Amino acid sequence: MYRYSEFDAAYVAKRNTEFRAQVERRIDGALTEDEFKPLRLMNGLYLQLHAYMLRVAVPYGTLDARQMRQLAYIAQRWDKGYGHFTTRQNIQFNWPQLRDVPDMLDALAQVEMHAIQTSGNTIRNVTADHFAGAAADEIADPRPVAELIRQWSTDHPEFQFLPRKFKIAVTGAPNDRAVTAAHDIGLRIVKNDAGEIGYQVLVGGGLGRTPMIGKVIADYLPEADLLPYLEAIVSVWNLLGRRDNKYKSRIKITVHEHGIDEIRSLVDARFAELKPAFKGIDQEMLSEIRAAFAPPAFREASTEGYEAARAADPAFRSWADTNLTAHRAPGYAIVQISLKAHGATPGDATSEQMRVMADLAERYGHDELRVSHEQNIVLPHVHKGDLPALYAELKRHGLATANIGRISDIIACPGMDYCALATARSIPIAQEIATRFQQLRNEEDIGDLKIKISGCINACGHHHVGHIGILGLDRAGVENYQITLGGDHTEAASLGQRTGPGFAAEEVVPAIERIVGRYLELRDSAEESFIEAYRRLGMAPFKEALYDDAPERKDKAHAA
């Protein structure tokens, strides 16, 4: 993984020193909260419902054991003993005292981490496929180019006061696990007919108040052109983007208003101006960065212990079938550690659990961990011979829930339990759904089904691209939950369609039961997933199950 240069270390230290002085001025009253706000946002510090919240960058979701242990220390020393992993592959600390934040940032710097550009109208933390460098289907590891983008975008003088926040995601496989179509810029590594690496570039994706799927602006962009082309896109939007209305300020609105053809023409013209100025320096940097992402020394060893454990232990076999993914190296597997134990808060990990995962990464995983956008932790390189011992340790610490991709593996934003923007709770709804289907003991039969929950229209829980999406809203002071069906975050990206009138909090779990029940009735085989059945059947049978099976809603649903 990438290690800080002397420049990186000095830059972060200087930023932390500056912010420490700003915090001191806020505490002694020299700065008002309004004056302090833009300064704290530049350093990832939010003011939430009950306390400040520090959002820490985990670039492209990659951590080592040393960094995970430091996050555990920070959670225990200055927070309430846990951290919350997010859909941006970041970690949030929800309860820091303002006076402690500079010390937290200094502790992060000790392990080459920071909170810069995790907020504000800048280019945010660059995300990537959480199986990067390990997946069997991968064309190329996307992390080197994600690191190049991180270095280019950090404190870029032209892009510190953009019309709104700007998000970039990169995937290196044809199976898109990075939700690229829902980003301001999505990059998909592809090969041309000559076998040369390049990028399919999507622009104008995003969720929130006005969800849109990104449009292809370049089918194949040569690797050497990437950075000047990205700069061209952002600089064109920086001039065209709306600053008179924050709800229309994202690049998706700019693309929608001007059309992809006009945007492409403007970007091409700007790219022609910019490309000579790069002089190939970006490619020299990329070459150096790639060396930091060389694969570990995979070992050859017997997998007989793994096969024996599968045969002897049904619980281990269930976990292996659900939480393991094919690895590019023979004898290895990718391990997904669920942070979604039934009834737990999705994405939360205690200090003890973080230390356990760090220890396991060091012992069995070539010292690598990943944060997934699905709010789980990944050990990307584990030999199958080590899996029984790994599983035993995970089980001992409450980290062996076998539900990856299942109905209880729910993405959920913090909602009204923490967030000042939220209009409804997300966490209790997720907990109730997970607990209910655990009671029904039918998760395995249901199979792959992704539920995503947001507590407001900002869509931090990605509800628009959930197979079942749930959006919590305030209706005259009462929490009301809209349900959407048919969303998909993959290479076949689609936005979910609203079913009809919303549901009170106590009605959500029964509503999900009715949807799932209808799916189980109508699927053509046990192999047909929920999203496949929905695409074959359409909305009608599910809407009927939702509303006609609840007589008091029948008239409202038909009117909608």
Protein backbone atom coordinates (compact mmCIF):
# COMPACT_ATOMS: atom_id res chain seq x y z
CA MET A 1 0.00 0.00 0.00
CA TYR A 2 1.03 3.61 -0.45
CA ARG A 3 3.27 5.13 2.24
CA TYR A 4 3.57 8.84 2.95
CA SER A 5 6.50 10.69 1.46
CA GLU A 6 8.29 13.39 3.46
CA PHE A 7 6.12 15.91 1.65
CA ASP A 8 2.91 14.09 2.64
CA ALA A 9 3.93 13.92 6.29
CA ALA A 10 4.95 17.59 6.42
CA TYR A 11 1.76 18.68 4.65
CA VAL A 12 -0.54 16.82 7.06
CA ALA A 13 1.44 18.04 10.09
CA LYS A 14 1.15 21.64 8.92
CA ARG A 15 -2.60 21.31 8.37
CA ASN A 16 -3.04 19.81 11.84
CA THR A 17 -1.04 22.63 13.45
CA GLU A 18 -3.16 25.22 11.68
CA PHE A 19 -6.37 23.53 12.78
CA ARG A 20 -5.21 23.22 16.38
CA ALA A 21 -4.82 27.01 16.46
CA GLN A 22 -8.29 27.44 14.93
CA VAL A 23 -9.84 25.15 17.54
CA GLU A 24 -8.17 27.11 20.33
CA ARG A 25 -9.60 30.33 18.91
CA ARG A 26 -13.07 28.77 18.76
CA ILE A 27 -12.87 27.55 22.36
CA ASP A 28 -11.71 30.90 23.73
CA GLY A 29 -14.44 32.74 21.78
CA ALA A 30 -12.24 34.51 19.22
CA LEU A 31 -14.17 32.67 16.50
CA THR A 32 -17.94 32.29 16.36
CA GLU A 33 -19.44 28.97 15.26
CA ASP A 34 -20.31 30.53 11.90
CA GLU A 35 -16.71 31.68 11.44
CA PHE A 36 -15.39 28.31 12.59
CA LYS A 37 -17.68 26.22 10.36
CA PRO A 38 -15.76 26.49 7.05
CA LEU A 39 -12.48 25.85 8.90
CA ARG A 40 -13.71 22.69 10.61
CA LEU A 41 -15.34 21.37 7.45
CA MET A 42 -11.99 21.61 5.66
CA ASN A 43 -10.74 19.17 8.30
CA GLY A 44 -13.63 16.71 8.30
CA LEU A 45 -15.34 17.98 11.45
CA TYR A 46 -19.14 18.22 11.45
CA LEU A 47 -21.57 19.45 14.07
CA GLN A 48 -24.30 16.82 14.39
CA LEU A 49 -27.42 16.56 16.51
CA HIS A 50 -25.71 15.86 19.82
CA ALA A 51 -21.99 16.42 19.32
CA TYR A 52 -19.24 17.05 16.82
CA MET A 53 -18.46 14.22 14.41
CA LEU A 54 -15.03 13.58 12.89
CA ARG A 55 -15.00 11.88 9.49
CA VAL A 56 -11.65 10.20 8.76
CA ALA A 57 -10.55 9.44 5.20
CA VAL A 58 -9.74 5.86 4.28
CA PRO A 59 -8.58 6.39 0.68
CA TYR A 60 -10.01 3.70 -1.63
CA GLY A 61 -10.90 1.77 1.54
CA THR A 62 -7.39 0.42 2.19
CA LEU A 63 -5.96 -0.01 5.70
CA ASP A 64 -3.20 -1.98 7.37
CA ALA A 65 -3.20 -3.44 10.88
CA ARG A 66 -1.27 -0.51 12.35
CA GLN A 67 -3.88 1.95 11.09
CA MET A 68 -6.83 -0.15 12.26
CA ARG A 69 -5.30 -0.38 15.73
CA GLN A 70 -4.88 3.38 15.83
CA LEU A 71 -8.54 3.83 14.91
CA ALA A 72 -9.38 1.51 17.79
CA TYR A 73 -7.20 3.58 20.12
CA ILE A 74 -8.85 6.83 19.00
CA ALA A 75 -12.32 5.36 19.52
CA GLN A 76 -11.43 4.23 23.03
CA ARG A 77 -9.40 7.28 24.05
CA TRP A 78 -11.54 10.13 22.71
CA ASP A 79 -14.92 8.69 21.69
CA LYS A 80 -17.29 6.10 23.17
CA GLY A 81 -15.38 2.98 22.25
CA TYR A 82 -16.60 2.43 18.70
CA GLY A 83 -16.42 3.82 15.18
CA HIS A 84 -18.89 3.85 12.31
CA PHE A 85 -17.77 2.71 8.84
CA THR A 86 -19.60 4.49 6.04
CA THR A 87 -20.67 4.05 2.42
CA ARG A 88 -17.78 6.37 1.44
CA GLN A 89 -15.30 3.79 2.83
CA ASN A 90 -14.55 6.24 5.66
CA ILE A 91 -14.86 5.93 9.42
CA GLN A 92 -16.75 8.39 11.58
CA PHE A 93 -16.32 9.13 15.28
CA ASN A 94 -19.62 10.45 16.58
CA TRP A 95 -18.80 11.79 20.05
CA PRO A 96 -15.49 13.69 20.17
CA GLN A 97 -15.04 16.75 22.35
CA LEU A 98 -13.89 19.75 20.32
CA ARG A 99 -10.81 20.26 22.49
CA ASP A 100 -9.71 16.66 21.70
CA VAL A 101 -10.02 16.81 17.91
CA PRO A 102 -6.48 18.21 17.29
CA ASP A 103 -5.05 15.34 19.34
CA MET A 104 -7.14 12.88 17.32
CA LEU A 105 -5.79 14.34 14.09
CA ASP A 106 -2.22 14.10 15.36
CA ALA A 107 -2.84 10.47 16.31
CA LEU A 108 -4.10 9.82 12.77
CA ALA A 109 -1.02 11.46 11.29
CA GLN A 110 1.19 9.04 13.23
CA VAL A 111 -0.19 6.24 11.04
CA GLU A 112 -0.41 8.22 7.78
CA MET A 113 -4.09 9.12 7.99
CA HIS A 114 -6.06 12.36 8.02
CA ALA A 115 -9.53 13.89 7.67
CA ILE A 116 -8.75 16.37 4.87
CA GLN A 117 -11.44 16.80 2.19
CA THR A 118 -13.89 14.42 3.85
CA SER A 119 -16.32 17.34 3.81
CA GLY A 120 -16.83 20.66 2.07
CA ASN A 121 -17.25 21.62 -1.59
CA THR A 122 -14.13 19.80 -2.76
CA ILE A 123 -13.20 16.48 -4.35
CA ARG A 124 -13.97 14.00 -1.58
CA ASN A 125 -12.34 10.71 -0.58
CA VAL A 126 -11.76 8.62 -3.73
CA THR A 127 -13.44 5.23 -3.43
CA ALA A 128 -12.71 1.93 -5.18
CA ASP A 129 -13.68 -1.72 -5.45
CA HIS A 130 -13.13 -3.23 -2.01
CA PHE A 131 -11.77 -6.41 -3.64
CA ALA A 132 -9.10 -4.43 -5.50
CA GLY A 133 -5.89 -6.36 -6.12
CA ALA A 134 -7.53 -9.64 -5.11
CA ALA A 135 -10.64 -10.32 -7.19
CA ALA A 136 -10.56 -13.14 -9.72
CA ASP A 137 -12.47 -11.04 -12.26
CA GLU A 138 -10.19 -8.02 -12.07
CA ILE A 139 -8.66 -6.46 -15.20
CA ALA A 140 -6.26 -4.28 -13.19
CA ASP A 141 -5.92 -3.05 -9.61
CA PRO A 142 -7.71 0.34 -9.45
CA ARG A 143 -5.95 1.54 -6.30
CA PRO A 144 -2.83 3.03 -7.93
CA VAL A 145 -4.91 5.34 -10.09
CA ALA A 146 -7.17 6.11 -7.10
CA GLU A 147 -4.06 7.16 -5.18
CA LEU A 148 -2.92 9.29 -8.13
CA ILE A 149 -6.31 11.03 -8.13
CA ARG A 150 -6.07 11.53 -4.35
CA GLN A 151 -2.71 13.25 -4.66
CA TRP A 152 -3.86 15.39 -7.59
CA SER A 153 -7.11 16.46 -5.93
CA THR A 154 -5.84 17.16 -2.40
CA ASP A 155 -5.66 20.92 -1.92
CA HIS A 156 -5.88 21.46 -5.69
CA PRO A 157 -5.99 25.29 -5.80
CA GLU A 158 -8.69 25.45 -8.47
CA PHE A 159 -11.02 22.95 -6.82
CA GLN A 160 -11.27 23.98 -3.17
CA PHE A 161 -14.48 26.00 -3.63
CA LEU A 162 -16.48 24.01 -6.14
CA PRO A 163 -20.24 24.55 -6.62
CA ARG A 164 -20.80 21.48 -4.38
CA LYS A 165 -19.04 18.34 -3.20
CA PHE A 166 -17.58 16.06 -5.87
CA LYS A 167 -17.14 12.29 -5.67
CA ILE A 168 -15.04 9.91 -7.79
CA ALA A 169 -15.10 6.10 -7.78
CA VAL A 170 -12.88 3.61 -9.62
CA THR A 171 -13.40 -0.06 -10.40
CA GLY A 172 -10.96 -2.45 -12.03
CA ALA A 173 -13.38 -5.27 -12.84
CA PRO A 174 -16.33 -5.74 -15.22
CA ASN A 175 -18.45 -6.57 -12.18
CA ASP A 176 -18.87 -3.11 -10.67
CA ARG A 177 -18.55 -3.22 -6.88
CA ALA A 178 -17.75 0.50 -6.54
CA VAL A 179 -21.16 1.98 -7.51
CA THR A 180 -19.45 4.00 -10.24
CA ALA A 181 -22.70 4.97 -11.97
CA ALA A 182 -23.87 6.85 -8.87
CA HIS A 183 -20.82 9.15 -8.68
CA ASP A 184 -20.00 12.55 -10.14
CA ILE A 185 -17.29 10.73 -12.07
CA GLY A 186 -17.16 6.95 -12.37
CA LEU A 187 -14.10 5.25 -13.83
CA ARG A 188 -14.19 1.69 -15.13
CA ILE A 189 -10.93 0.08 -16.21
CA VAL A 190 -11.33 -1.52 -19.64
CA LYS A 191 -9.15 -2.83 -22.45
CA ASN A 192 -9.30 -1.83 -26.10
CA ASP A 193 -9.04 -4.23 -29.04
CA ALA A 194 -5.23 -4.09 -28.77
CA GLY A 195 -5.39 -5.19 -25.14
CA GLU A 196 -4.29 -1.78 -23.83
CA ILE A 197 -5.56 -0.54 -20.46
CA GLY A 198 -7.83 2.50 -20.47
CA TYR A 199 -10.97 3.87 -18.82
CA GLN A 200 -14.63 4.10 -19.57
CA VAL A 201 -15.61 7.44 -18.02
CA LEU A 202 -19.07 8.13 -16.64
CA VAL A 203 -20.15 11.59 -15.54
CA GLY A 204 -23.19 13.07 -13.83
CA GLY A 205 -24.25 10.22 -11.58
CA GLY A 206 -25.51 10.80 -8.07
CA LEU A 207 -28.28 10.02 -5.63
CA GLY A 208 -29.87 12.45 -3.16
CA ARG A 209 -32.82 14.69 -3.94
CA THR A 210 -32.52 14.16 -7.72
CA PRO A 211 -31.08 10.70 -8.36
CA MET A 212 -29.43 10.08 -11.73
CA ILE A 213 -27.39 7.33 -13.34
CA GLY A 214 -24.09 8.55 -14.79
CA LYS A 215 -23.74 8.96 -18.54
CA VAL A 216 -20.79 7.72 -20.58
CA ILE A 217 -18.69 10.68 -21.68
CA ALA A 218 -15.80 8.54 -22.98
CA ASP A 219 -16.05 4.87 -23.97
CA TYR A 220 -12.29 4.41 -23.97
CA LEU A 221 -9.86 6.94 -22.57
CA PRO A 222 -6.16 6.02 -22.84
CA GLU A 223 -4.46 5.64 -19.48
CA ALA A 224 -2.03 8.48 -20.21
CA ASP A 225 -4.91 10.92 -20.72
CA LEU A 226 -6.76 10.24 -17.49
CA LEU A 227 -5.59 13.01 -15.16
CA PRO A 228 -5.81 15.91 -17.65
CA TYR A 229 -9.22 14.59 -18.75
CA LEU A 230 -10.47 14.52 -15.14
CA GLU A 231 -9.16 18.04 -14.63
CA ALA A 232 -10.98 19.11 -17.79
CA ILE A 233 -14.28 17.69 -16.50
CA VAL A 234 -14.02 19.32 -13.09
CA SER A 235 -12.86 22.68 -14.47
CA VAL A 236 -15.73 22.79 -17.01
CA TRP A 237 -18.23 22.06 -14.24
CA ASN A 238 -16.54 24.57 -11.93
CA LEU A 239 -17.43 27.29 -14.47
CA LEU A 240 -20.86 25.99 -15.53
CA GLY A 241 -22.13 24.63 -12.22
CA ARG A 242 -24.99 26.39 -10.47
CA ARG A 243 -24.04 28.40 -7.41
CA ASP A 244 -27.39 30.16 -7.08
CA ASN A 245 -29.24 27.04 -5.91
CA LYS A 246 -27.54 24.30 -3.89
CA TYR A 247 -30.17 21.78 -4.95
CA LYS A 248 -29.14 22.27 -8.58
CA SER A 249 -25.41 22.62 -8.05
CA ARG A 250 -24.17 19.04 -8.54
CA ILE A 251 -22.64 18.08 -11.86
CA LYS A 252 -25.55 15.72 -12.57
CA ILE A 253 -27.79 18.78 -12.92
CA THR A 254 -25.24 20.53 -15.13
CA VAL A 255 -25.09 17.48 -17.41
CA HIS A 256 -28.88 17.26 -17.44
CA GLU A 257 -29.33 20.96 -18.27
CA HIS A 258 -26.67 21.13 -21.00
CA GLY A 259 -26.83 17.58 -22.32
CA ILE A 260 -24.00 15.07 -22.46
CA ASP A 261 -23.00 16.03 -26.02
CA GLU A 262 -22.41 19.70 -25.13
CA ILE A 263 -20.55 18.72 -21.95
CA ARG A 264 -18.37 16.30 -23.93
CA SER A 265 -17.53 19.03 -26.46
CA LEU A 266 -16.56 21.49 -23.72
CA VAL A 267 -14.51 18.87 -21.90
CA ASP A 268 -12.69 17.85 -25.08
CA ALA A 269 -11.77 21.49 -25.77
CA ARG A 270 -10.53 22.02 -22.24
CA PHE A 271 -8.65 18.72 -22.32
CA ALA A 272 -6.80 19.83 -25.46
CA GLU A 273 -5.65 22.93 -23.56
CA LEU A 274 -4.61 21.04 -20.44
CA LYS A 275 -2.89 17.93 -21.77
CA PRO A 276 0.40 19.60 -22.86
CA ALA A 277 0.85 21.12 -19.40
CA PHE A 278 1.01 17.69 -17.74
CA LYS A 279 4.13 16.73 -19.75
CA GLY A 280 3.83 13.10 -18.64
CA ILE A 281 4.61 13.91 -15.01
CA ASP A 282 1.39 12.23 -13.93
CA GLN A 283 2.45 8.98 -15.64
CA GLU A 284 5.82 9.09 -13.89
CA MET A 285 3.99 9.49 -10.59
CA LEU A 286 1.62 6.63 -11.46
CA SER A 287 4.56 4.35 -12.20
CA GLU A 288 6.07 5.10 -8.80
CA ILE A 289 2.73 4.64 -7.06
CA ARG A 290 2.14 1.27 -8.74
CA ALA A 291 5.27 -0.09 -7.10
CA ALA A 292 3.62 0.46 -3.71
CA PHE A 293 0.73 -1.81 -4.69
CA ALA A 294 2.68 -4.89 -5.68
CA PRO A 295 0.78 -8.03 -4.66
CA PRO A 296 1.92 -9.83 -1.50
CA ALA A 297 3.98 -13.00 -1.66
CA PHE A 298 1.23 -15.58 -1.90
CA ARG A 299 2.20 -18.96 -0.51
CA GLU A 300 1.49 -22.45 -1.72
CA ALA A 301 0.05 -24.68 0.98
CA SER A 302 -2.50 -27.42 1.49
CA THR A 303 -6.21 -26.57 1.66
CA GLU A 304 -7.16 -29.93 3.16
CA GLY A 305 -7.94 -28.37 6.56
CA TYR A 306 -10.38 -26.01 4.91
CA GLU A 307 -12.16 -28.81 3.06
CA ALA A 308 -12.28 -30.92 6.23
CA ALA A 309 -13.79 -28.05 8.22
CA ARG A 310 -16.43 -27.49 5.53
CA ALA A 311 -17.40 -31.15 5.70
CA ALA A 312 -17.45 -31.35 9.49
CA ASP A 313 -18.94 -28.00 10.60
CA PRO A 314 -22.25 -26.77 9.08
CA ALA A 315 -21.81 -23.33 10.67
CA PHE A 316 -18.37 -22.90 9.11
CA ARG A 317 -19.68 -24.15 5.76
CA SER A 318 -22.54 -21.64 5.86
CA TRP A 319 -20.13 -18.80 6.67
CA ALA A 320 -17.74 -19.88 3.92
CA ASP A 321 -20.53 -20.11 1.34
CA THR A 322 -21.82 -16.65 2.23
CA ASN A 323 -18.82 -14.55 3.27
CA LEU A 324 -16.05 -15.78 0.95
CA THR A 325 -15.36 -14.59 -2.61
CA ALA A 326 -13.12 -16.06 -5.30
CA HIS A 327 -9.51 -14.85 -5.22
CA ARG A 328 -7.16 -14.48 -8.18
CA ALA A 329 -4.46 -16.58 -6.48
CA PRO A 330 -4.87 -20.37 -6.21
CA GLY A 331 -5.60 -21.52 -2.68
CA TYR A 332 -6.71 -18.08 -1.47
CA ALA A 333 -10.06 -16.49 -0.70
CA ILE A 334 -11.38 -12.98 -0.07
CA VAL A 335 -13.02 -12.79 3.37
CA GLN A 336 -15.83 -10.37 4.09
CA ILE A 337 -16.33 -9.68 7.80
CA SER A 338 -19.92 -8.69 8.47
CA LEU A 339 -20.48 -5.65 10.69
CA LYS A 340 -24.19 -6.51 10.59
CA ALA A 341 -24.78 -8.98 13.40
CA HIS A 342 -28.55 -9.31 13.73
CA GLY A 343 -29.83 -6.39 15.78
CA ALA A 344 -26.54 -4.49 15.65
CA THR A 345 -26.03 -1.01 14.19
CA PRO A 346 -24.89 -1.47 10.58
CA GLY A 347 -21.28 -0.40 10.09
CA ASP A 348 -20.37 -0.03 13.77
CA ALA A 349 -17.28 -1.74 15.18
CA THR A 350 -16.03 -1.56 18.75
CA SER A 351 -12.44 -0.83 19.66
CA GLU A 352 -12.01 -4.47 20.65
CA GLN A 353 -13.39 -5.68 17.31
CA MET A 354 -11.11 -3.31 15.41
CA ARG A 355 -8.10 -4.69 17.27
CA VAL A 356 -9.21 -8.25 16.57
CA MET A 357 -9.53 -7.52 12.86
CA ALA A 358 -6.11 -5.87 12.87
CA ASP A 359 -4.58 -8.93 14.57
CA LEU A 360 -6.22 -11.28 12.07
CA ALA A 361 -5.04 -9.21 9.13
CA GLU A 362 -1.50 -9.38 10.43
CA ARG A 363 -1.66 -13.09 11.23
CA TYR A 364 -3.57 -14.41 8.24
CA GLY A 365 -4.16 -11.60 5.73
CA HIS A 366 -0.80 -10.19 4.59
CA ASP A 367 -1.46 -7.11 6.75
CA GLU A 368 -4.25 -5.76 4.56
CA LEU A 369 -7.82 -4.72 5.34
CA ARG A 370 -10.45 -2.95 3.27
CA VAL A 371 -13.54 -0.97 4.15
CA SER A 372 -16.38 -1.76 1.77
CA HIS A 373 -19.03 0.75 0.70
CA GLU A 374 -21.47 -1.81 2.10
CA GLN A 375 -20.19 -1.00 5.61
CA ASN A 376 -18.30 -4.24 6.14
CA ILE A 377 -14.59 -5.06 6.50
CA VAL A 378 -12.66 -7.17 4.01
CA LEU A 379 -9.54 -9.28 4.44
CA PRO A 380 -8.57 -9.47 0.77
CA HIS A 381 -5.85 -12.15 0.93
CA VAL A 382 -6.42 -15.18 3.19
CA HIS A 383 -5.12 -18.66 2.41
CA LYS A 384 -7.87 -21.26 2.62
CA GLY A 385 -5.78 -23.33 5.00
CA ASP A 386 -6.07 -20.51 7.56
CA LEU A 387 -9.81 -20.04 7.26
CA PRO A 388 -10.91 -22.44 10.04
CA ALA A 389 -8.66 -20.69 12.58
CA LEU A 390 -9.72 -17.28 11.29
CA TYR A 391 -13.39 -18.21 11.56
CA ALA A 392 -12.95 -19.43 15.13
CA GLU A 393 -11.44 -16.07 16.14
CA LEU A 394 -14.16 -14.10 14.38
CA LYS A 395 -16.84 -16.19 16.07
CA ARG A 396 -15.24 -15.63 19.47
CA HIS A 397 -15.58 -11.86 19.02
CA GLY A 398 -19.03 -11.64 17.44
CA LEU A 399 -17.72 -11.09 13.91
CA ALA A 400 -18.71 -14.34 12.21
CA THR A 401 -22.26 -13.49 11.12
CA ALA A 402 -22.86 -15.39 7.87
CA ASN A 403 -25.04 -12.86 6.07
CA ILE A 404 -23.01 -11.05 3.39
CA GLY A 405 -25.43 -10.10 0.59
CA ARG A 406 -28.41 -11.39 2.56
CA ILE A 407 -31.48 -9.51 3.70
CA SER A 408 -29.89 -8.62 7.06
CA ASP A 409 -26.72 -7.22 5.44
CA ILE A 410 -28.40 -3.82 5.35
CA ILE A 411 -26.76 -0.52 4.41
CA ALA A 412 -28.06 2.23 6.68
CA CYS A 413 -27.03 5.83 7.31
CA PRO A 414 -26.87 7.07 10.94
CA GLY A 415 -30.26 8.75 10.50
CA MET A 416 -31.94 10.80 13.16
CA ASP A 417 -30.02 9.07 15.95
CA TYR A 418 -27.02 11.24 15.00
CA CYS A 419 -27.42 13.33 11.87
CA ALA A 420 -28.62 16.95 11.95
CA LEU A 421 -29.97 16.60 8.39
CA ALA A 422 -32.00 13.44 8.98
CA THR A 423 -35.77 13.48 9.03
CA ALA A 424 -36.30 9.90 10.27
CA ARG A 425 -34.46 7.06 11.98
CA SER A 426 -32.56 4.48 9.94
CA ILE A 427 -30.76 2.35 12.51
CA PRO A 428 -33.82 0.99 14.38
CA ILE A 429 -35.53 0.09 11.11
CA ALA A 430 -32.45 -1.84 9.96
CA GLN A 431 -32.18 -3.59 13.32
CA GLU A 432 -35.86 -4.60 13.31
CA ILE A 433 -35.72 -5.99 9.76
CA ALA A 434 -32.57 -8.00 10.47
CA THR A 435 -33.96 -9.37 13.74
CA ARG A 436 -37.29 -10.33 12.18
CA PHE A 437 -35.79 -12.34 9.33
CA GLN A 438 -33.42 -14.04 11.74
CA GLN A 439 -36.51 -15.15 13.64
CA LEU A 440 -38.11 -16.40 10.44
CA ARG A 441 -34.94 -18.41 9.64
CA ASN A 442 -35.34 -17.90 5.89
CA GLU A 443 -32.39 -15.69 4.95
CA GLU A 444 -30.62 -18.49 3.12
CA ASP A 445 -33.75 -19.36 1.18
CA ILE A 446 -34.29 -15.71 0.21
CA GLY A 447 -30.73 -15.46 -1.07
CA ASP A 448 -29.18 -12.31 -2.52
CA LEU A 449 -31.28 -9.29 -1.56
CA LYS A 450 -29.88 -5.85 -0.83
CA ILE A 451 -31.86 -3.50 1.42
CA LYS A 452 -30.58 0.06 1.74
CA ILE A 453 -32.01 2.67 4.11
CA SER A 454 -31.62 6.46 4.22
CA GLY A 455 -32.94 8.76 6.91
CA CYS A 456 -33.40 11.72 4.55
CA ILE A 457 -33.37 12.67 0.88
CA ASN A 458 -29.59 13.09 0.86
CA ALA A 459 -29.48 9.31 0.38
CA CYS A 460 -26.30 8.51 2.33
CA GLY A 461 -27.72 4.98 2.68
CA HIS A 462 -27.89 4.57 -1.13
CA HIS A 463 -31.59 3.65 -0.95
CA HIS A 464 -32.14 4.56 -4.62
CA VAL A 465 -29.93 1.65 -5.74
CA GLY A 466 -31.19 -0.94 -3.25
CA HIS A 467 -33.12 -3.95 -4.49
CA ILE A 468 -35.44 -2.72 -1.77
CA GLY A 469 -34.86 0.91 -0.85
CA ILE A 470 -36.30 2.60 2.22
CA LEU A 471 -36.37 6.39 2.60
CA GLY A 472 -37.37 7.92 5.92
CA LEU A 473 -39.18 11.26 5.78
CA ASP A 474 -41.00 13.62 8.13
CA ARG A 475 -44.72 13.88 7.45
CA ALA A 476 -46.26 16.50 9.74
CA GLY A 477 -43.95 15.51 12.56
CA VAL A 478 -44.39 11.76 12.06
CA GLU A 479 -41.78 9.43 10.57
CA ASN A 480 -42.95 8.02 7.25
CA TYR A 481 -41.03 5.54 5.12
CA GLN A 482 -41.22 5.32 1.33
CA ILE A 483 -40.31 2.01 -0.29
CA THR A 484 -38.67 1.66 -3.70
CA LEU A 485 -38.04 -1.54 -5.65
CA GLY A 486 -35.68 -2.54 -8.43
CA GLY A 487 -32.59 -0.47 -7.71
CA ASP A 488 -29.16 -1.84 -8.55
CA HIS A 489 -25.67 -0.45 -7.84
CA THR A 490 -23.73 -2.76 -10.18
CA GLU A 491 -22.68 -2.51 -13.84
CA ALA A 492 -26.42 -2.92 -14.60
CA ALA A 493 -27.16 0.16 -12.47
CA SER A 494 -30.76 1.27 -12.10
CA LEU A 495 -32.79 3.48 -9.79
CA GLY A 496 -35.53 1.95 -7.71
CA GLN A 497 -39.16 2.87 -8.41
CA ARG A 498 -41.44 4.12 -5.67
CA THR A 499 -44.17 1.65 -4.79
CA GLY A 500 -46.77 4.14 -3.53
CA PRO A 501 -47.71 5.81 -0.22
CA GLY A 502 -45.27 5.53 2.64
CA PHE A 503 -45.49 3.50 5.83
CA ALA A 504 -45.35 4.36 9.51
CA ALA A 505 -42.29 3.07 11.36
CA GLU A 506 -44.18 0.15 12.89
CA GLU A 507 -45.50 -0.87 9.46
CA VAL A 508 -42.13 -1.16 7.70
CA VAL A 509 -41.17 -4.68 8.80
CA PRO A 510 -44.58 -6.18 7.89
CA ALA A 511 -44.36 -4.39 4.54
CA ILE A 512 -40.93 -5.92 3.82
CA GLU A 513 -42.28 -9.32 4.84
CA ARG A 514 -45.10 -8.99 2.30
CA ILE A 515 -42.68 -8.04 -0.49
CA VAL A 516 -40.37 -10.93 0.30
CA GLY A 517 -43.27 -13.33 0.67
CA ARG A 518 -44.55 -12.44 -2.79
CA TYR A 519 -41.07 -12.92 -4.24
CA LEU A 520 -40.82 -16.41 -2.70
CA GLU A 521 -44.24 -17.27 -4.14
CA LEU A 522 -43.49 -16.06 -7.67
CA ARG A 523 -39.80 -16.78 -8.34
CA ASP A 524 -39.37 -19.38 -11.06
CA SER A 525 -36.71 -21.29 -9.11
CA ALA A 526 -34.63 -21.08 -5.97
CA GLU A 527 -31.80 -19.74 -8.16
CA GLU A 528 -33.75 -16.69 -9.35
CA SER A 529 -32.71 -13.73 -7.17
CA PHE A 530 -35.05 -11.02 -6.00
CA ILE A 531 -33.77 -8.46 -8.53
CA GLU A 532 -34.04 -11.00 -11.35
CA ALA A 533 -37.61 -11.81 -10.36
CA TYR A 534 -38.48 -8.12 -10.10
CA ARG A 535 -37.14 -7.44 -13.59
CA ARG A 536 -39.13 -10.34 -14.98
CA LEU A 537 -42.37 -9.61 -13.14
CA GLY A 538 -42.35 -5.81 -12.83
CA MET A 539 -43.81 -3.73 -10.03
CA ALA A 540 -47.44 -4.90 -10.13
CA PRO A 541 -47.35 -8.12 -8.03
CA PHE A 542 -45.19 -6.52 -5.36
CA LYS A 543 -47.36 -3.43 -5.17
CA GLU A 544 -50.37 -5.66 -4.84
CA ALA A 545 -48.72 -7.52 -1.96
CA LEU A 546 -47.80 -4.26 -0.27
CA TYR A 547 -51.15 -2.53 -0.42
CA ASP A 548 -53.92 -4.94 -1.32
CA ASP A 549 -52.87 -7.23 1.51
CA ALA A 550 -53.28 -4.22 3.83
CA PRO A 551 -56.93 -3.27 3.12
CA GLU A 552 -56.80 0.18 4.70
CA ARG A 553 -54.17 1.16 2.11
CA LYS A 554 -55.87 -0.19 -0.98
CA ASP A 555 -57.54 3.01 -2.10
CA LYS A 556 -54.46 5.16 -1.47
CA ALA A 557 -52.23 2.81 -3.44
CA HIS A 558 -54.48 2.71 -6.45
CA ALA A 559 -54.81 6.49 -6.38
CA ALA A 560 -51.02 6.80 -6.42
